[in-house]
């Protein structure tokens, strides 16, 4: 599986949906926060990088480090992981 191609597709789809809703700046800020969390939270990084982690485990790790923040848009929190 070429994860680079998949991640680019997801990024483009998320950007398109954000632009359609006029919230691209907010989504950009959220993605910046997620990137920072990925670098600063070892458990998040290990779970996302683990080939054995299920989608549910990944969602739980992301949720515990990021999604519970009240300022996140519904678009980002409901965007599918896979």
C-alpha atoms as a PDB file:
ATOM      1  CA  UNK A   1       0.000   0.000   0.000  1.00  0.00           C
ATOM      2  CA  UNK A   2       1.364   3.432  -0.888  1.00  0.00           C
ATOM      3  CA  UNK A   3       0.501   5.482   2.176  1.00  0.00           C
ATOM      4  CA  UNK A   4       1.835   8.661   0.564  1.00  0.00           C
ATOM      5  CA  UNK A   5      -0.798   8.506  -2.167  1.00  0.00           C
ATOM      6  CA  UNK A   6      -3.550   7.697   0.327  1.00  0.00           C
ATOM      7  CA  UNK A   7      -2.604  10.515   2.684  1.00  0.00           C
ATOM      8  CA  UNK A   8      -2.532  13.006  -0.195  1.00  0.00           C
ATOM      9  CA  UNK A   9      -6.033  11.897  -1.256  1.00  0.00           C
ATOM     10  CA  UNK A  10      -7.333  12.357   2.287  1.00  0.00           C
ATOM     11  CA  UNK A  11      -5.687  15.737   2.628  1.00  0.00           C
ATOM     12  CA  UNK A  12      -7.187  16.917  -0.661  1.00  0.00           C
ATOM     13  CA  UNK A  13     -10.643  15.608   0.252  1.00  0.00           C
ATOM     14  CA  UNK A  14     -10.506  17.286   3.658  1.00  0.00           C
ATOM     15  CA  UNK A  15      -9.324  20.557   2.106  1.00  0.00           C
ATOM     16  CA  UNK A  16     -12.073  20.427  -0.528  1.00  0.00           C
ATOM     17  CA  UNK A  17     -14.750  19.817   2.103  1.00  0.00           C
ATOM     18  CA  UNK A  18     -13.336  22.607   4.288  1.00  0.00           C
ATOM     19  CA  UNK A  19     -13.293  25.059   1.382  1.00  0.00           C
ATOM     20  CA  UNK A  20     -16.870  24.168   0.464  1.00  0.00           C
ATOM     21  CA  UNK A  21     -17.903  25.033   4.030  1.00  0.00           C
ATOM     22  CA  UNK A  22     -15.698  28.134   4.208  1.00  0.00           C
ATOM     23  CA  UNK A  23     -13.729  26.832   7.172  1.00  0.00           C
ATOM     24  CA  UNK A  24     -10.363  26.125   5.572  1.00  0.00           C
ATOM     25  CA  UNK A  25      -8.486  28.385   8.004  1.00  0.00           C
ATOM     26  CA  UNK A  26     -10.026  26.619  10.984  1.00  0.00           C
ATOM     27  CA  UNK A  27      -9.249  23.178   9.558  1.00  0.00           C
ATOM     28  CA  UNK A  28      -5.680  24.283   8.845  1.00  0.00           C
ATOM     29  CA  UNK A  29      -5.282  25.345  12.480  1.00  0.00           C
ATOM     30  CA  UNK A  30      -6.691  22.022  13.656  1.00  0.00           C
ATOM     31  CA  UNK A  31      -4.303  20.093  11.445  1.00  0.00           C
ATOM     32  CA  UNK A  32      -1.419  22.146  12.820  1.00  0.00           C
ATOM     33  CA  UNK A  33      -2.502  21.163  16.328  1.00  0.00           C
ATOM     34  CA  UNK A  34      -2.720  17.514  15.288  1.00  0.00           C
ATOM     35  CA  UNK A  35       0.796  17.684  13.819  1.00  0.00           C
ATOM     36  CA  UNK A  36       2.098  19.167  17.064  1.00  0.00           C
ATOM     37  CA  UNK A  37       0.313  16.488  19.088  1.00  0.00           C
ATOM     38  CA  UNK A  38       1.812  13.797  16.866  1.00  0.00           C
ATOM     39  CA  UNK A  39       5.293  15.124  17.617  1.00  0.00           C
ATOM     40  CA  UNK A  40       4.699  15.709  21.342  1.00  0.00           C
ATOM     41  CA  UNK A  41       2.594  12.703  22.385  1.00  0.00           C
ATOM     42  CA  UNK A  42       4.589   9.475  22.048  1.00  0.00           C
ATOM     43  CA  UNK A  43       1.527   7.256  22.608  1.00  0.00           C
ATOM     44  CA  UNK A  44      -0.286   8.911  19.709  1.00  0.00           C
ATOM     45  CA  UNK A  45       2.707   8.512  17.415  1.00  0.00           C
ATOM     46  CA  UNK A  46       3.244   4.848  18.369  1.00  0.00           C
ATOM     47  CA  UNK A  47      -0.418   3.983  17.861  1.00  0.00           C
ATOM     48  CA  UNK A  48      -0.689   5.688  14.482  1.00  0.00           C
ATOM     49  CA  UNK A  49       2.553   4.111  13.258  1.00  0.00           C
ATOM     50  CA  UNK A  50       1.704   0.623  14.505  1.00  0.00           C
ATOM     51  CA  UNK A  51       0.621  -1.752  11.739  1.00  0.00           C
ATOM     52  CA  UNK A  52      -1.259  -3.736  14.389  1.00  0.00           C
ATOM     53  CA  UNK A  53      -3.403  -0.825  15.602  1.00  0.00           C
ATOM     54  CA  UNK A  54      -7.031  -0.976  14.572  1.00  0.00           C
ATOM     55  CA  UNK A  55      -8.949   2.014  13.272  1.00  0.00           C
ATOM     56  CA  UNK A  56     -10.712   2.175  16.634  1.00  0.00           C
ATOM     57  CA  UNK A  57      -7.424   2.275  18.518  1.00  0.00           C
ATOM     58  CA  UNK A  58      -6.145   5.038  16.237  1.00  0.00           C
ATOM     59  CA  UNK A  59      -9.356   7.041  16.686  1.00  0.00           C
ATOM     60  CA  UNK A  60      -9.156   6.605  20.469  1.00  0.00           C
ATOM     61  CA  UNK A  61      -5.518   7.770  20.546  1.00  0.00           C
ATOM     62  CA  UNK A  62      -6.348  10.797  18.409  1.00  0.00           C
ATOM     63  CA  UNK A  63      -9.411  11.511  20.534  1.00  0.00           C
ATOM     64  CA  UNK A  64      -7.503  11.402  23.760  1.00  0.00           C
ATOM     65  CA  UNK A  65      -4.884  13.838  22.499  1.00  0.00           C
ATOM     66  CA  UNK A  66      -6.879  16.151  20.267  1.00  0.00           C
ATOM     67  CA  UNK A  67     -10.545  15.620  19.357  1.00  0.00           C
ATOM     68  CA  UNK A  68     -11.960  16.436  22.773  1.00  0.00           C
ATOM     69  CA  UNK A  69     -11.084  20.081  22.353  1.00  0.00           C
ATOM     70  CA  UNK A  70     -14.353  22.026  22.017  1.00  0.00           C
ATOM     71  CA  UNK A  71     -13.116  24.295  19.228  1.00  0.00           C
ATOM     72  CA  UNK A  72     -12.796  21.491  16.670  1.00  0.00           C
ATOM     73  CA  UNK A  73     -15.163  21.585  13.757  1.00  0.00           C
ATOM     74  CA  UNK A  74     -17.608  18.788  13.069  1.00  0.00           C
ATOM     75  CA  UNK A  75     -16.008  18.328   9.634  1.00  0.00           C
ATOM     76  CA  UNK A  76     -12.651  17.359  11.101  1.00  0.00           C
ATOM     77  CA  UNK A  77     -13.970  15.225  13.949  1.00  0.00           C
ATOM     78  CA  UNK A  78     -16.260  13.266  11.625  1.00  0.00           C
ATOM     79  CA  UNK A  79     -13.797  12.865   8.741  1.00  0.00           C
ATOM     80  CA  UNK A  80     -13.172   9.121   8.286  1.00  0.00           C
ATOM     81  CA  UNK A  81      -9.745   7.733   9.181  1.00  0.00           C
ATOM     82  CA  UNK A  82      -9.827   5.048   6.502  1.00  0.00           C
END
